[in-house]
């Protein structure tokens, strides 16, 4: 049954739609991650001491050395923006009313990144290395899913001076 197609014109294809159903099951470590998020509003990771690497969301085993891991390491809520993109189409290809920004953030205490929406990025363009913070929904609205996280918000704003960029911390509600 495994055949190598040497000439592209020999490739067979069928036109039409193929319905795909998918159900996500988080597993043991994922369940611990979502339970901690729902009940306590915290993010749990897993630390591999052998590899000195902390995964987030939590994992049951290390993807590098296959060591067994526990979902017992709190990470965040702050972190560093390592990459971002702006999307103008939804998952089904539909145009969005307004573009959304997605950011890959390395949370404090983690080595892996978590990808989620960036909320209200502000007028100044985002920069790699920017400090962001996880925004978790109020306890009464949490359901135990990744959507219990509203997204990331910028926790510093930039003050521009000619030829130089300086950063100034913006006071967030509930912070002194």
N, C-alpha and C. Protein backbone atom coordinates (compact mmCIF):
# COMPACT_ATOMS: atom_id res chain seq x y z
N UNK A 1 0.81 -1.19 0.00
CA UNK A 1 0.00 0.00 0.00
C UNK A 1 0.86 1.26 0.00
N UNK A 2 2.09 1.20 0.47
CA UNK A 2 2.95 2.37 0.45
C UNK A 2 3.62 2.47 -0.91
N UNK A 3 3.19 3.42 -1.68
CA UNK A 3 3.78 3.59 -3.00
C UNK A 3 4.33 5.00 -3.13
N UNK A 4 5.41 5.11 -3.85
CA UNK A 4 6.01 6.42 -4.07
C UNK A 4 5.49 6.96 -5.40
N UNK A 5 4.98 8.16 -5.35
CA UNK A 5 4.49 8.82 -6.56
C UNK A 5 5.64 9.65 -7.12
N UNK A 6 6.12 9.25 -8.27
CA UNK A 6 7.24 9.96 -8.89
C UNK A 6 6.75 11.08 -9.80
N UNK A 7 5.55 10.93 -10.34
CA UNK A 7 5.03 11.95 -11.25
C UNK A 7 3.78 12.57 -10.62
N UNK A 8 3.81 13.87 -10.38
CA UNK A 8 2.69 14.54 -9.70
C UNK A 8 1.35 14.33 -10.38
N UNK A 9 1.32 14.15 -11.69
CA UNK A 9 0.04 13.97 -12.38
C UNK A 9 -0.63 12.65 -12.00
N UNK A 10 0.09 11.76 -11.33
CA UNK A 10 -0.48 10.49 -10.90
C UNK A 10 -1.22 10.60 -9.56
N UNK A 11 -1.11 11.73 -8.93
CA UNK A 11 -1.79 11.90 -7.64
C UNK A 11 -3.30 11.94 -7.87
N UNK A 12 -4.02 11.16 -7.07
CA UNK A 12 -5.48 11.14 -7.17
C UNK A 12 -6.06 12.06 -6.11
N UNK A 13 -7.12 12.75 -6.47
CA UNK A 13 -7.79 13.57 -5.47
C UNK A 13 -9.28 13.57 -5.71
N UNK A 14 -10.00 13.79 -4.61
CA UNK A 14 -11.44 13.83 -4.65
C UNK A 14 -11.88 15.21 -4.24
N UNK A 15 -12.78 15.77 -4.98
CA UNK A 15 -13.35 17.07 -4.65
C UNK A 15 -14.46 16.88 -3.63
N UNK A 16 -14.67 17.88 -2.80
CA UNK A 16 -15.79 17.84 -1.87
C UNK A 16 -15.35 18.10 -0.45
N UNK A 17 -16.30 18.02 0.46
CA UNK A 17 -16.06 18.26 1.88
C UNK A 17 -16.01 16.95 2.63
N UNK A 18 -15.18 16.92 3.64
CA UNK A 18 -15.11 15.76 4.51
C UNK A 18 -15.36 16.25 5.93
N UNK A 19 -16.49 15.85 6.52
CA UNK A 19 -16.77 16.32 7.88
C UNK A 19 -15.77 15.70 8.86
N UNK A 20 -15.26 16.54 9.75
CA UNK A 20 -14.30 16.09 10.74
C UNK A 20 -14.83 16.47 12.11
N UNK A 21 -14.91 15.49 12.98
CA UNK A 21 -15.32 15.75 14.35
C UNK A 21 -14.12 15.51 15.25
N UNK A 22 -14.02 16.35 16.26
CA UNK A 22 -12.87 16.25 17.15
C UNK A 22 -13.32 16.53 18.57
N UNK A 23 -12.88 15.72 19.47
CA UNK A 23 -13.13 15.96 20.88
C UNK A 23 -11.78 15.96 21.59
N UNK A 24 -11.48 17.05 22.28
CA UNK A 24 -10.21 17.17 22.99
C UNK A 24 -10.35 16.54 24.36
N UNK A 25 -9.45 15.63 24.68
CA UNK A 25 -9.39 15.07 26.03
C UNK A 25 -8.05 15.49 26.62
N UNK A 26 -8.07 16.21 27.71
CA UNK A 26 -6.83 16.79 28.23
C UNK A 26 -5.88 15.80 28.90
N UNK A 27 -6.36 14.62 29.30
CA UNK A 27 -5.50 13.67 30.00
C UNK A 27 -5.30 14.08 31.45
N UNK A 28 -4.48 13.32 32.15
CA UNK A 28 -4.28 13.53 33.59
C UNK A 28 -3.64 14.89 33.87
N UNK A 29 -2.52 15.20 33.21
CA UNK A 29 -1.82 16.46 33.46
C UNK A 29 -2.65 17.65 32.99
N UNK A 30 -3.28 17.51 31.83
CA UNK A 30 -4.13 18.58 31.32
C UNK A 30 -5.31 18.85 32.23
N UNK A 31 -5.87 17.78 32.80
CA UNK A 31 -6.98 17.94 33.74
C UNK A 31 -6.53 18.73 34.97
N UNK A 32 -5.33 18.43 35.47
CA UNK A 32 -4.79 19.17 36.62
C UNK A 32 -4.61 20.64 36.26
N UNK A 33 -4.12 20.92 35.03
CA UNK A 33 -3.94 22.30 34.56
C UNK A 33 -5.28 23.04 34.55
N UNK A 34 -6.30 22.43 33.93
CA UNK A 34 -7.60 23.09 33.81
C UNK A 34 -8.32 23.20 35.15
N UNK A 35 -8.15 22.23 36.04
CA UNK A 35 -8.76 22.31 37.36
C UNK A 35 -8.16 23.45 38.17
N UNK A 36 -6.82 23.58 38.14
CA UNK A 36 -6.16 24.68 38.86
C UNK A 36 -6.57 26.02 38.27
N UNK A 37 -6.70 26.09 36.96
CA UNK A 37 -7.13 27.32 36.30
C UNK A 37 -8.55 27.68 36.73
N UNK A 38 -9.44 26.71 36.72
CA UNK A 38 -10.84 26.97 37.08
C UNK A 38 -11.00 27.31 38.57
N UNK A 39 -10.40 26.50 39.43
CA UNK A 39 -10.65 26.64 40.86
C UNK A 39 -9.82 27.72 41.54
N UNK A 40 -8.57 27.90 41.08
CA UNK A 40 -7.68 28.85 41.76
C UNK A 40 -7.21 29.99 40.87
N UNK A 41 -7.47 29.90 39.57
CA UNK A 41 -7.05 30.96 38.66
C UNK A 41 -5.54 30.99 38.43
N UNK A 42 -4.87 29.84 38.60
CA UNK A 42 -3.42 29.77 38.41
C UNK A 42 -3.09 28.82 37.27
N UNK A 43 -1.89 28.98 36.72
CA UNK A 43 -1.43 28.13 35.63
C UNK A 43 -0.42 27.12 36.16
N UNK A 44 -0.64 25.85 35.87
CA UNK A 44 0.25 24.79 36.32
C UNK A 44 1.10 24.28 35.18
N UNK A 45 2.37 24.11 35.48
CA UNK A 45 3.30 23.50 34.55
C UNK A 45 3.88 22.25 35.15
N UNK A 46 4.77 21.61 34.41
CA UNK A 46 5.48 20.42 34.86
C UNK A 46 6.96 20.65 34.65
N UNK A 47 7.75 20.38 35.67
CA UNK A 47 9.20 20.60 35.62
C UNK A 47 9.93 19.28 35.46
N UNK A 48 10.80 19.18 34.45
CA UNK A 48 11.69 18.04 34.30
C UNK A 48 13.04 18.44 34.87
N UNK A 49 13.41 17.85 35.99
CA UNK A 49 14.68 18.18 36.62
C UNK A 49 15.85 17.70 35.78
N UNK A 50 15.69 16.56 35.10
CA UNK A 50 16.79 16.02 34.28
C UNK A 50 17.15 16.96 33.14
N UNK A 51 16.14 17.52 32.51
CA UNK A 51 16.37 18.40 31.36
C UNK A 51 16.38 19.88 31.75
N UNK A 52 16.05 20.18 33.01
CA UNK A 52 15.95 21.56 33.48
C UNK A 52 15.02 22.36 32.57
N UNK A 53 13.82 21.81 32.35
CA UNK A 53 12.85 22.42 31.44
C UNK A 53 11.46 22.35 32.08
N UNK A 54 10.75 23.49 32.06
CA UNK A 54 9.39 23.55 32.61
C UNK A 54 8.40 23.74 31.48
N UNK A 55 7.47 22.80 31.37
CA UNK A 55 6.41 22.82 30.36
C UNK A 55 5.19 23.54 30.90
N UNK A 56 4.48 24.21 30.03
CA UNK A 56 3.17 24.77 30.34
C UNK A 56 2.34 24.75 29.07
N UNK A 57 1.12 24.24 29.11
CA UNK A 57 0.43 23.59 30.20
C UNK A 57 1.19 22.34 30.68
N UNK A 58 0.76 21.82 31.83
CA UNK A 58 1.42 20.68 32.45
C UNK A 58 1.43 19.47 31.51
N UNK A 59 2.47 18.66 31.62
CA UNK A 59 2.61 17.43 30.83
C UNK A 59 2.77 16.25 31.78
N UNK A 60 2.45 15.07 31.30
CA UNK A 60 2.59 13.84 32.08
C UNK A 60 4.00 13.27 31.96
N UNK A 61 4.67 13.60 30.84
CA UNK A 61 6.04 13.12 30.65
C UNK A 61 6.85 14.17 29.91
N UNK A 62 8.17 14.10 30.05
CA UNK A 62 9.06 15.04 29.37
C UNK A 62 9.18 14.64 27.91
N UNK A 63 8.99 15.59 27.03
CA UNK A 63 9.07 15.32 25.59
C UNK A 63 10.50 15.14 25.12
N UNK A 64 11.47 15.46 25.97
CA UNK A 64 12.88 15.33 25.61
C UNK A 64 13.47 14.00 26.07
N UNK A 65 13.23 13.64 27.34
CA UNK A 65 13.86 12.43 27.89
C UNK A 65 12.84 11.37 28.32
N UNK A 66 11.55 11.67 28.19
CA UNK A 66 10.44 10.76 28.53
C UNK A 66 10.31 10.46 30.01
N UNK A 67 10.92 11.28 30.87
CA UNK A 67 10.77 11.11 32.31
C UNK A 67 9.33 11.42 32.71
N UNK A 68 8.84 10.74 33.74
CA UNK A 68 7.51 11.02 34.25
C UNK A 68 7.51 12.35 34.98
N UNK A 69 6.48 13.16 34.76
CA UNK A 69 6.40 14.49 35.35
C UNK A 69 5.12 14.63 36.18
N UNK A 70 5.11 15.63 37.03
CA UNK A 70 3.93 15.96 37.82
C UNK A 70 3.46 17.37 37.47
N UNK A 71 2.17 17.58 37.56
CA UNK A 71 1.60 18.91 37.32
C UNK A 71 1.57 19.66 38.63
N UNK A 72 2.74 20.18 39.04
CA UNK A 72 2.83 20.78 40.37
C UNK A 72 3.63 22.07 40.43
N UNK A 73 3.89 22.67 39.28
CA UNK A 73 4.70 23.88 39.24
C UNK A 73 3.86 25.06 38.77
N UNK A 74 3.61 26.03 39.65
CA UNK A 74 2.87 27.23 39.23
C UNK A 74 3.78 28.13 38.42
N UNK A 75 3.27 28.64 37.32
CA UNK A 75 4.03 29.56 36.46
C UNK A 75 3.21 30.83 36.26
N UNK A 76 3.92 31.90 35.81
CA UNK A 76 3.24 33.15 35.56
C UNK A 76 2.86 33.85 36.85
N UNK A 77 1.94 34.78 36.82
CA UNK A 77 1.11 35.17 35.70
C UNK A 77 1.81 36.08 34.68
N UNK A 78 2.97 36.63 35.04
CA UNK A 78 3.69 37.49 34.10
C UNK A 78 4.56 36.67 33.17
N UNK A 79 4.99 37.30 32.10
CA UNK A 79 5.86 36.63 31.16
C UNK A 79 6.39 37.57 30.10
N UNK A 80 7.19 37.02 29.21
CA UNK A 80 7.84 37.80 28.16
C UNK A 80 7.32 37.39 26.79
N UNK A 81 6.97 38.37 25.99
CA UNK A 81 6.51 38.13 24.63
C UNK A 81 7.68 37.66 23.77
N UNK A 82 7.57 36.46 23.18
CA UNK A 82 8.66 35.96 22.34
C UNK A 82 8.30 35.97 20.87
N UNK A 83 7.01 36.06 20.54
CA UNK A 83 6.57 36.15 19.16
C UNK A 83 5.10 36.58 19.15
N UNK A 84 4.65 37.13 18.03
CA UNK A 84 3.24 37.48 17.91
C UNK A 84 2.87 37.56 16.44
N UNK A 85 1.58 37.49 16.19
CA UNK A 85 1.05 37.64 14.84
C UNK A 85 -0.30 38.33 14.93
N UNK A 86 -0.71 38.93 13.83
CA UNK A 86 -2.01 39.58 13.75
C UNK A 86 -2.84 38.80 12.75
N UNK A 87 -4.03 38.40 13.15
CA UNK A 87 -4.91 37.61 12.28
C UNK A 87 -6.14 38.42 11.92
N UNK A 88 -6.56 38.26 10.68
CA UNK A 88 -7.75 38.97 10.21
C UNK A 88 -8.84 38.01 9.76
N UNK A 89 -8.57 36.69 9.85
CA UNK A 89 -9.57 35.68 9.51
C UNK A 89 -9.75 34.74 10.69
N UNK A 90 -10.99 34.27 10.87
CA UNK A 90 -11.29 33.32 11.93
C UNK A 90 -10.88 31.91 11.53
N UNK A 91 -11.15 30.96 12.40
CA UNK A 91 -10.76 29.56 12.18
C UNK A 91 -11.39 28.99 10.92
N UNK A 92 -12.61 29.38 10.62
CA UNK A 92 -13.31 28.88 9.44
C UNK A 92 -13.02 29.71 8.18
N UNK A 93 -12.10 30.66 8.28
CA UNK A 93 -11.76 31.49 7.12
C UNK A 93 -12.61 32.73 6.97
N UNK A 94 -13.53 32.95 7.90
CA UNK A 94 -14.41 34.11 7.83
C UNK A 94 -13.64 35.37 8.24
N UNK A 95 -13.93 36.50 7.61
CA UNK A 95 -13.25 37.73 8.01
C UNK A 95 -13.69 38.15 9.42
N UNK A 96 -12.74 38.60 10.22
CA UNK A 96 -13.05 39.10 11.55
C UNK A 96 -13.49 40.55 11.47
N UNK A 97 -14.35 40.98 12.38
CA UNK A 97 -14.80 42.37 12.41
C UNK A 97 -13.62 43.31 12.60
N UNK A 98 -12.68 42.89 13.45
CA UNK A 98 -11.45 43.65 13.62
C UNK A 98 -10.32 42.65 13.86
N UNK A 99 -9.13 42.94 13.37
CA UNK A 99 -8.02 41.99 13.53
C UNK A 99 -7.73 41.70 15.00
N UNK A 100 -7.25 40.49 15.27
CA UNK A 100 -6.86 40.09 16.62
C UNK A 100 -5.37 39.80 16.63
N UNK A 101 -4.77 39.99 17.79
CA UNK A 101 -3.36 39.71 17.94
C UNK A 101 -3.20 38.47 18.82
N UNK A 102 -2.36 37.54 18.37
CA UNK A 102 -2.03 36.36 19.15
C UNK A 102 -0.57 36.46 19.55
N UNK A 103 -0.28 36.14 20.80
CA UNK A 103 1.10 36.22 21.28
C UNK A 103 1.57 34.91 21.85
N UNK A 104 2.85 34.61 21.64
CA UNK A 104 3.52 33.48 22.28
C UNK A 104 4.30 34.07 23.45
N UNK A 105 3.94 33.67 24.67
CA UNK A 105 4.51 34.26 25.87
C UNK A 105 5.20 33.18 26.70
N UNK A 106 6.46 33.45 27.05
CA UNK A 106 7.18 32.57 27.97
C UNK A 106 6.89 33.09 29.37
N UNK A 107 6.02 32.36 30.08
CA UNK A 107 5.61 32.78 31.42
C UNK A 107 6.75 32.65 32.40
N UNK A 108 6.75 33.50 33.41
CA UNK A 108 7.77 33.44 34.46
C UNK A 108 7.74 32.05 35.08
N UNK A 109 8.91 31.41 35.16
CA UNK A 109 9.02 30.08 35.73
C UNK A 109 8.86 28.97 34.72
N UNK A 110 8.59 29.30 33.45
CA UNK A 110 8.40 28.28 32.40
C UNK A 110 9.45 28.45 31.32
N UNK A 111 9.69 27.37 30.60
CA UNK A 111 10.57 27.41 29.43
C UNK A 111 9.76 27.35 28.15
N UNK A 112 8.64 26.62 28.17
CA UNK A 112 7.76 26.54 27.02
C UNK A 112 6.94 27.82 26.94
N UNK A 113 6.32 28.07 25.79
CA UNK A 113 5.50 29.26 25.63
C UNK A 113 4.02 28.88 25.62
N UNK A 114 3.19 29.82 25.97
CA UNK A 114 1.75 29.67 25.90
C UNK A 114 1.25 30.69 24.88
N UNK A 115 0.40 30.24 23.98
CA UNK A 115 -0.13 31.12 22.93
C UNK A 115 -1.58 31.46 23.25
N UNK A 116 -1.88 32.75 23.20
CA UNK A 116 -3.25 33.21 23.46
C UNK A 116 -3.40 34.62 22.88
N UNK A 117 -4.61 35.16 22.97
CA UNK A 117 -4.86 36.52 22.48
C UNK A 117 -4.09 37.55 23.29
N UNK A 118 -3.71 38.64 22.63
CA UNK A 118 -3.17 39.81 23.32
C UNK A 118 -4.29 40.82 23.36
N UNK A 119 -4.67 41.21 24.58
CA UNK A 119 -5.80 42.12 24.78
C UNK A 119 -5.33 43.56 24.74
N UNK A 120 -6.01 44.39 23.98
CA UNK A 120 -5.74 45.82 23.95
C UNK A 120 -4.24 46.13 23.93
N UNK A 121 -3.55 45.80 22.83
CA UNK A 121 -2.11 46.02 22.80
C UNK A 121 -1.68 47.48 22.86
N UNK A 122 -2.61 48.40 22.65
CA UNK A 122 -2.28 49.82 22.75
C UNK A 122 -1.91 50.40 21.39
N UNK A 123 -1.57 51.67 21.40
CA UNK A 123 -1.26 52.39 20.16
C UNK A 123 0.14 52.08 19.64
N UNK A 124 1.09 51.89 20.54
CA UNK A 124 2.47 51.61 20.14
C UNK A 124 2.58 50.16 19.68
N UNK A 125 3.40 49.90 18.65
CA UNK A 125 3.57 48.51 18.22
C UNK A 125 4.21 47.67 19.33
N UNK A 126 3.78 46.42 19.42
CA UNK A 126 4.40 45.52 20.39
C UNK A 126 5.83 45.22 19.99
N UNK A 127 6.64 44.89 20.98
CA UNK A 127 8.02 44.52 20.74
C UNK A 127 8.31 43.19 21.39
N UNK A 128 9.13 42.37 20.75
CA UNK A 128 9.59 41.14 21.36
C UNK A 128 10.31 41.52 22.65
N UNK A 129 10.06 40.79 23.71
CA UNK A 129 10.64 41.10 25.01
C UNK A 129 9.71 41.89 25.91
N UNK A 130 8.62 42.36 25.35
CA UNK A 130 7.61 43.11 26.11
C UNK A 130 7.08 42.25 27.26
N UNK A 131 6.81 42.86 28.41
CA UNK A 131 6.23 42.15 29.54
C UNK A 131 4.71 42.12 29.40
N UNK A 132 4.14 40.92 29.52
CA UNK A 132 2.70 40.73 29.49
C UNK A 132 2.28 39.94 30.72
N UNK A 133 0.98 39.89 30.94
CA UNK A 133 0.43 39.20 32.10
C UNK A 133 -0.85 38.50 31.69
N UNK A 134 -1.06 37.30 32.23
CA UNK A 134 -2.27 36.53 31.95
C UNK A 134 -3.46 37.20 32.62
N UNK A 135 -4.57 37.30 31.89
CA UNK A 135 -5.83 37.81 32.44
C UNK A 135 -6.78 36.62 32.50
N UNK A 136 -7.14 36.24 33.73
CA UNK A 136 -8.04 35.11 33.95
C UNK A 136 -9.43 35.65 34.24
N UNK A 137 -10.44 34.96 33.71
CA UNK A 137 -11.82 35.38 33.95
C UNK A 137 -12.15 35.31 35.44
N UNK A 138 -13.17 36.04 35.87
CA UNK A 138 -13.61 35.94 37.27
C UNK A 138 -14.01 34.49 37.59
N UNK A 139 -13.84 34.11 38.84
CA UNK A 139 -14.08 32.73 39.27
C UNK A 139 -15.45 32.20 38.87
N UNK A 140 -16.48 33.03 38.95
CA UNK A 140 -17.84 32.58 38.64
C UNK A 140 -18.05 32.31 37.16
N UNK A 141 -17.15 32.78 36.30
CA UNK A 141 -17.29 32.58 34.85
C UNK A 141 -16.40 31.46 34.31
N UNK A 142 -15.54 30.89 35.13
CA UNK A 142 -14.61 29.86 34.67
C UNK A 142 -15.31 28.51 34.52
N UNK A 143 -14.92 27.79 33.44
CA UNK A 143 -15.53 26.50 33.15
C UNK A 143 -14.52 25.35 33.09
N UNK A 144 -13.23 25.63 33.28
CA UNK A 144 -12.24 24.58 33.19
C UNK A 144 -11.75 24.35 31.78
N UNK A 145 -11.57 25.43 31.02
CA UNK A 145 -11.05 25.32 29.66
C UNK A 145 -10.03 26.43 29.42
N UNK A 146 -9.34 26.34 28.30
CA UNK A 146 -8.33 27.36 27.97
C UNK A 146 -9.00 28.73 27.81
N UNK A 147 -10.30 28.74 27.57
CA UNK A 147 -11.02 30.01 27.44
C UNK A 147 -11.29 30.67 28.79
N UNK A 148 -10.89 30.01 29.89
CA UNK A 148 -10.92 30.68 31.20
C UNK A 148 -9.87 31.78 31.26
N UNK A 149 -8.94 31.73 30.32
CA UNK A 149 -7.97 32.81 30.15
C UNK A 149 -8.53 33.75 29.09
N UNK A 150 -8.73 35.03 29.46
CA UNK A 150 -9.19 36.01 28.47
C UNK A 150 -8.09 36.30 27.46
N UNK A 151 -6.85 36.31 27.94
CA UNK A 151 -5.71 36.59 27.06
C UNK A 151 -4.57 37.16 27.88
N UNK A 152 -3.66 37.83 27.19
CA UNK A 152 -2.53 38.51 27.83
C UNK A 152 -2.73 40.01 27.70
N UNK A 153 -2.32 40.75 28.72
CA UNK A 153 -2.34 42.21 28.60
C UNK A 153 -0.92 42.72 28.84
N UNK A 154 -0.64 43.83 28.20
CA UNK A 154 0.66 44.47 28.34
C UNK A 154 0.73 45.09 29.73
N UNK A 155 1.84 44.88 30.44
CA UNK A 155 1.98 45.44 31.78
C UNK A 155 2.99 46.58 31.83
N UNK A 156 3.56 46.90 30.70
CA UNK A 156 4.43 48.07 30.59
C UNK A 156 4.02 48.84 29.36
N UNK A 157 4.13 50.15 29.43
CA UNK A 157 3.94 50.95 28.24
C UNK A 157 5.26 51.63 27.93
N UNK A 158 5.46 51.92 26.67
CA UNK A 158 6.70 52.55 26.25
C UNK A 158 6.52 54.05 26.14
N UNK A 159 7.48 54.79 26.61
CA UNK A 159 7.51 56.23 26.44
C UNK A 159 8.64 56.50 25.46
N UNK A 160 8.33 57.06 24.34
CA UNK A 160 9.33 57.29 23.29
C UNK A 160 9.95 58.68 23.45
N UNK A 161 11.26 58.71 23.37
CA UNK A 161 11.99 59.97 23.31
C UNK A 161 12.80 59.93 22.03
N UNK A 162 13.19 61.05 21.47
CA UNK A 162 13.92 61.03 20.20
C UNK A 162 15.15 60.14 20.28
N UNK A 163 15.20 59.14 19.37
CA UNK A 163 16.35 58.27 19.27
C UNK A 163 16.48 57.25 20.39
N UNK A 164 15.50 57.16 21.26
CA UNK A 164 15.63 56.26 22.40
C UNK A 164 14.25 55.80 22.83
N UNK A 165 14.14 54.55 23.26
CA UNK A 165 12.88 54.05 23.80
C UNK A 165 13.08 53.74 25.28
N UNK A 166 12.21 54.28 26.10
CA UNK A 166 12.26 54.00 27.53
C UNK A 166 10.96 53.31 27.92
N UNK A 167 11.04 52.53 28.97
CA UNK A 167 9.86 51.84 29.44
C UNK A 167 9.40 52.42 30.77
N UNK A 168 8.11 52.48 30.93
CA UNK A 168 7.53 52.98 32.17
C UNK A 168 6.45 51.99 32.59
N UNK A 169 6.51 51.55 33.83
CA UNK A 169 5.49 50.62 34.31
C UNK A 169 4.15 51.35 34.41
N UNK A 170 3.12 50.69 33.95
CA UNK A 170 1.78 51.22 34.08
C UNK A 170 1.16 50.53 35.30
N UNK A 171 0.59 51.29 36.18
CA UNK A 171 -0.04 50.71 37.37
C UNK A 171 -1.32 50.01 36.94
N UNK A 172 -1.44 48.75 37.32
CA UNK A 172 -2.61 47.96 37.01
C UNK A 172 -3.55 47.97 38.21
N UNK A 173 -4.85 47.81 37.99
CA UNK A 173 -5.78 47.79 39.11
C UNK A 173 -5.37 46.74 40.13
N UNK A 174 -5.40 47.09 41.39
CA UNK A 174 -5.05 46.15 42.44
C UNK A 174 -3.56 46.03 42.69
N UNK A 175 -2.75 46.83 42.02
CA UNK A 175 -1.30 46.78 42.20
C UNK A 175 -0.83 48.08 42.82
N UNK A 176 0.19 48.02 43.63
CA UNK A 176 0.72 49.26 44.22
C UNK A 176 2.04 49.61 43.60
